[in-house]
Amino acid sequence: QVQLVESGGGLVQAGGSLRLSCAASGRTSSINDMAWLRQAPGKEREFVATTTWNGRITYYANSVKGRFTISRDNAKNTAYLQMNSLKPEDTAVYYCASGGRGRPDSLDYNYWGQGTQVTVSS
């Protein structure tokens, strides 16, 4: 089993930046990927970004490409999501996940964090 804990969410003005962290524990040797997904109020959960655990392959949703950067620190078993040029439509609960199945933009993961709220004011 892998446990994931997100942190770093908060309230920020449009145009601002936030960095989310996702700390993994448990069977971290089994981690092959880390992803970020989000769910806005009244909307379905959507894919944001994913990376292989070695960092060689990353994939982003079109809506965040060029503004968000996913990275990881293997020594700390932690993944990050640097979010720049934030927009009100980025407001959502952000989840990290691992153990994806299927396409890079899949919503199907074995392990999930509890989520962290990001609110972008206009």
C-alpha atoms as a PDB file:
ATOM      1  CA  GLN A   1       0.000   0.000   0.000  1.00  0.00           C
ATOM      2  CA  VAL A   2       1.014   3.578  -0.673  1.00  0.00           C
ATOM      3  CA  GLN A   3      -0.229   6.514   1.365  1.00  0.00           C
ATOM      4  CA  LEU A   4      -0.333   9.991  -0.158  1.00  0.00           C
ATOM      5  CA  VAL A   5      -0.686  13.287   1.697  1.00  0.00           C
ATOM      6  CA  GLU A   6      -1.112  16.598  -0.109  1.00  0.00           C
ATOM      7  CA  SER A   7      -0.252  20.046   1.232  1.00  0.00           C
ATOM      8  CA  GLY A   8       0.231  23.573  -0.037  1.00  0.00           C
ATOM      9  CA  GLY A   9      -3.258  24.565  -1.030  1.00  0.00           C
ATOM     10  CA  GLY A  10      -4.750  27.921  -0.142  1.00  0.00           C
ATOM     11  CA  LEU A  11      -6.258  31.158  -1.359  1.00  0.00           C
ATOM     12  CA  VAL A  12      -4.451  33.162  -4.032  1.00  0.00           C
ATOM     13  CA  GLN A  13      -5.349  36.025  -6.341  1.00  0.00           C
ATOM     14  CA  ALA A  14      -5.628  35.504 -10.066  1.00  0.00           C
ATOM     15  CA  GLY A  15      -2.208  35.647 -11.659  1.00  0.00           C
ATOM     16  CA  GLY A  16      -0.527  34.328  -8.537  1.00  0.00           C
ATOM     17  CA  SER A  17       1.308  31.089  -7.849  1.00  0.00           C
ATOM     18  CA  LEU A  18       1.086  28.119  -5.511  1.00  0.00           C
ATOM     19  CA  ARG A  19       3.130  24.965  -5.102  1.00  0.00           C
ATOM     20  CA  LEU A  20       1.412  21.787  -4.023  1.00  0.00           C
ATOM     21  CA  SER A  21       3.296  18.905  -2.450  1.00  0.00           C
ATOM     22  CA  CYS A  22       2.398  15.233  -2.242  1.00  0.00           C
ATOM     23  CA  ALA A  23       4.337  13.111   0.239  1.00  0.00           C
ATOM     24  CA  ALA A  24       4.281   9.366  -0.312  1.00  0.00           C
ATOM     25  CA  SER A  25       4.835   6.714   2.340  1.00  0.00           C
ATOM     26  CA  GLY A  26       4.431   2.971   2.656  1.00  0.00           C
ATOM     27  CA  ARG A  27       5.513   0.818  -0.288  1.00  0.00           C
ATOM     28  CA  THR A  28       7.196   3.694  -2.087  1.00  0.00           C
ATOM     29  CA  SER A  29       9.414   1.268  -3.985  1.00  0.00           C
ATOM     30  CA  SER A  30       6.322   0.284  -5.960  1.00  0.00           C
ATOM     31  CA  ILE A  31       5.635   3.832  -7.204  1.00  0.00           C
ATOM     32  CA  ASN A  32       5.940   4.194 -10.975  1.00  0.00           C
ATOM     33  CA  ASP A  33       4.078   7.418 -11.481  1.00  0.00           C
ATOM     34  CA  MET A  34       2.548  10.391  -9.719  1.00  0.00           C
ATOM     35  CA  ALA A  35      -0.323  12.476 -10.965  1.00  0.00           C
ATOM     36  CA  TRP A  36      -2.408  15.467 -10.009  1.00  0.00           C
ATOM     37  CA  LEU A  37      -6.121  15.643 -10.637  1.00  0.00           C
ATOM     38  CA  ARG A  38      -8.707  18.179  -9.538  1.00  0.00           C
ATOM     39  CA  GLN A  39     -12.400  18.513  -8.927  1.00  0.00           C
ATOM     40  CA  ALA A  40     -14.231  21.815  -8.976  1.00  0.00           C
ATOM     41  CA  PRO A  41     -17.583  22.278  -7.231  1.00  0.00           C
ATOM     42  CA  GLY A  42     -20.371  20.733  -9.259  1.00  0.00           C
ATOM     43  CA  LYS A  43     -17.979  19.317 -11.845  1.00  0.00           C
ATOM     44  CA  GLU A  44     -16.452  15.947 -12.522  1.00  0.00           C
ATOM     45  CA  ARG A  45     -12.920  15.140 -11.490  1.00  0.00           C
ATOM     46  CA  GLU A  46     -10.409  15.953 -14.225  1.00  0.00           C
ATOM     47  CA  PHE A  47      -6.825  15.102 -15.033  1.00  0.00           C
ATOM     48  CA  VAL A  48      -4.211  17.829 -14.547  1.00  0.00           C
ATOM     49  CA  ALA A  49      -0.718  16.361 -14.935  1.00  0.00           C
ATOM     50  CA  THR A  50       1.291  13.178 -14.535  1.00  0.00           C
ATOM     51  CA  THR A  51       4.932  12.168 -14.401  1.00  0.00           C
ATOM     52  CA  THR A  52       6.797   8.921 -14.400  1.00  0.00           C
ATOM     53  CA  TRP A  53       8.654   8.457 -11.162  1.00  0.00           C
ATOM     54  CA  ASN A  54      11.976   8.861 -12.949  1.00  0.00           C
ATOM     55  CA  GLY A  55      10.744  12.166 -14.343  1.00  0.00           C
ATOM     56  CA  ARG A  56      11.467  11.278 -17.941  1.00  0.00           C
ATOM     57  CA  ILE A  57       7.888  11.539 -19.153  1.00  0.00           C
ATOM     58  CA  THR A  58       5.375  14.195 -18.192  1.00  0.00           C
ATOM     59  CA  TYR A  59       1.936  14.880 -19.567  1.00  0.00           C
ATOM     60  CA  TYR A  60      -0.380  17.834 -19.003  1.00  0.00           C
ATOM     61  CA  ALA A  61      -3.968  18.712 -19.615  1.00  0.00           C
ATOM     62  CA  ASN A  62      -4.283  21.376 -22.290  1.00  0.00           C
ATOM     63  CA  SER A  63      -5.929  23.701 -19.796  1.00  0.00           C
ATOM     64  CA  VAL A  64      -2.778  23.900 -17.646  1.00  0.00           C
ATOM     65  CA  LYS A  65      -0.014  23.398 -20.204  1.00  0.00           C
ATOM     66  CA  GLY A  66       2.556  26.174 -19.974  1.00  0.00           C
ATOM     67  CA  ARG A  67       1.325  27.302 -16.549  1.00  0.00           C
ATOM     68  CA  PHE A  68       1.712  24.223 -14.326  1.00  0.00           C
ATOM     69  CA  THR A  69       4.807  22.071 -13.843  1.00  0.00           C
ATOM     70  CA  ILE A  70       4.856  18.638 -12.262  1.00  0.00           C
ATOM     71  CA  SER A  71       8.057  17.386 -10.672  1.00  0.00           C
ATOM     72  CA  ARG A  72       9.231  14.909  -8.072  1.00  0.00           C
ATOM     73  CA  ASP A  73      12.025  14.413  -5.571  1.00  0.00           C
ATOM     74  CA  ASN A  74      12.679  10.697  -5.322  1.00  0.00           C
ATOM     75  CA  ALA A  75      14.884  11.069  -2.249  1.00  0.00           C
ATOM     76  CA  LYS A  76      11.999  12.702  -0.395  1.00  0.00           C
ATOM     77  CA  ASN A  77       9.304  10.505  -1.979  1.00  0.00           C
ATOM     78  CA  THR A  78       7.501  13.717  -2.807  1.00  0.00           C
ATOM     79  CA  ALA A  79       5.834  15.055  -5.929  1.00  0.00           C
ATOM     80  CA  TYR A  80       5.099  18.705  -6.597  1.00  0.00           C
ATOM     81  CA  LEU A  81       2.789  20.775  -8.724  1.00  0.00           C
ATOM     82  CA  GLN A  82       4.018  24.298  -9.368  1.00  0.00           C
ATOM     83  CA  MET A  83       1.074  26.392 -10.459  1.00  0.00           C
ATOM     84  CA  ASN A  84       1.715  29.797 -12.040  1.00  0.00           C
ATOM     85  CA  SER A  85      -0.570  32.349 -13.674  1.00  0.00           C
ATOM     86  CA  LEU A  86      -3.504  30.942 -11.746  1.00  0.00           C
ATOM     87  CA  LYS A  87      -7.018  31.648 -12.957  1.00  0.00           C
ATOM     88  CA  PRO A  88     -10.344  31.551 -11.105  1.00  0.00           C
ATOM     89  CA  GLU A  89     -11.258  28.479 -13.137  1.00  0.00           C
ATOM     90  CA  ASP A  90      -8.350  26.648 -11.507  1.00  0.00           C
ATOM     91  CA  THR A  91     -10.305  26.700  -8.246  1.00  0.00           C
ATOM     92  CA  ALA A  92     -10.791  23.090  -7.146  1.00  0.00           C
ATOM     93  CA  VAL A  93      -9.782  20.408  -4.708  1.00  0.00           C
ATOM     94  CA  TYR A  94      -6.487  19.034  -5.979  1.00  0.00           C
ATOM     95  CA  TYR A  95      -5.672  15.365  -5.462  1.00  0.00           C
ATOM     96  CA  CYS A  96      -2.435  13.506  -6.001  1.00  0.00           C
ATOM     97  CA  ALA A  97      -2.628   9.925  -7.131  1.00  0.00           C
ATOM     98  CA  SER A  98      -0.376   7.027  -8.029  1.00  0.00           C
ATOM     99  CA  GLY A  99      -0.671   3.715  -9.802  1.00  0.00           C
ATOM    100  CA  GLY A 100      -2.425   4.918 -12.915  1.00  0.00           C
ATOM    101  CA  ARG A 101      -4.095   2.542 -15.332  1.00  0.00           C
ATOM    102  CA  GLY A 102      -4.645   3.190 -18.995  1.00  0.00           C
ATOM    103  CA  ARG A 103      -4.062   6.433 -20.810  1.00  0.00           C
ATOM    104  CA  PRO A 104      -1.751   9.183 -19.438  1.00  0.00           C
ATOM    105  CA  ASP A 105      -4.819  11.337 -18.753  1.00  0.00           C
ATOM    106  CA  SER A 106      -6.608   8.505 -16.991  1.00  0.00           C
ATOM    107  CA  LEU A 107      -8.727   9.112 -13.891  1.00  0.00           C
ATOM    108  CA  ASP A 108      -8.176   5.516 -12.763  1.00  0.00           C
ATOM    109  CA  TYR A 109      -5.541   5.270 -10.028  1.00  0.00           C
ATOM    110  CA  ASN A 110      -4.804   2.786  -7.290  1.00  0.00           C
ATOM    111  CA  TYR A 111      -3.844   5.293  -4.616  1.00  0.00           C
ATOM    112  CA  TRP A 112      -5.260   8.701  -3.764  1.00  0.00           C
ATOM    113  CA  GLY A 113      -4.520  11.482  -1.335  1.00  0.00           C
ATOM    114  CA  GLN A 114      -7.208  13.246   0.646  1.00  0.00           C
ATOM    115  CA  GLY A 115      -7.065  16.426  -1.440  1.00  0.00           C
ATOM    116  CA  THR A 116      -6.111  20.035  -0.824  1.00  0.00           C
ATOM    117  CA  GLN A 117      -8.250  23.069  -1.622  1.00  0.00           C
ATOM    118  CA  VAL A 118      -7.004  25.688  -4.062  1.00  0.00           C
ATOM    119  CA  THR A 119      -9.079  28.843  -4.402  1.00  0.00           C
ATOM    120  CA  VAL A 120      -8.219  31.535  -6.941  1.00  0.00           C
ATOM    121  CA  SER A 121      -9.975  34.857  -6.481  1.00  0.00           C
ATOM    122  CA  SER A 122     -10.619  37.250  -9.344  1.00  0.00           C
END
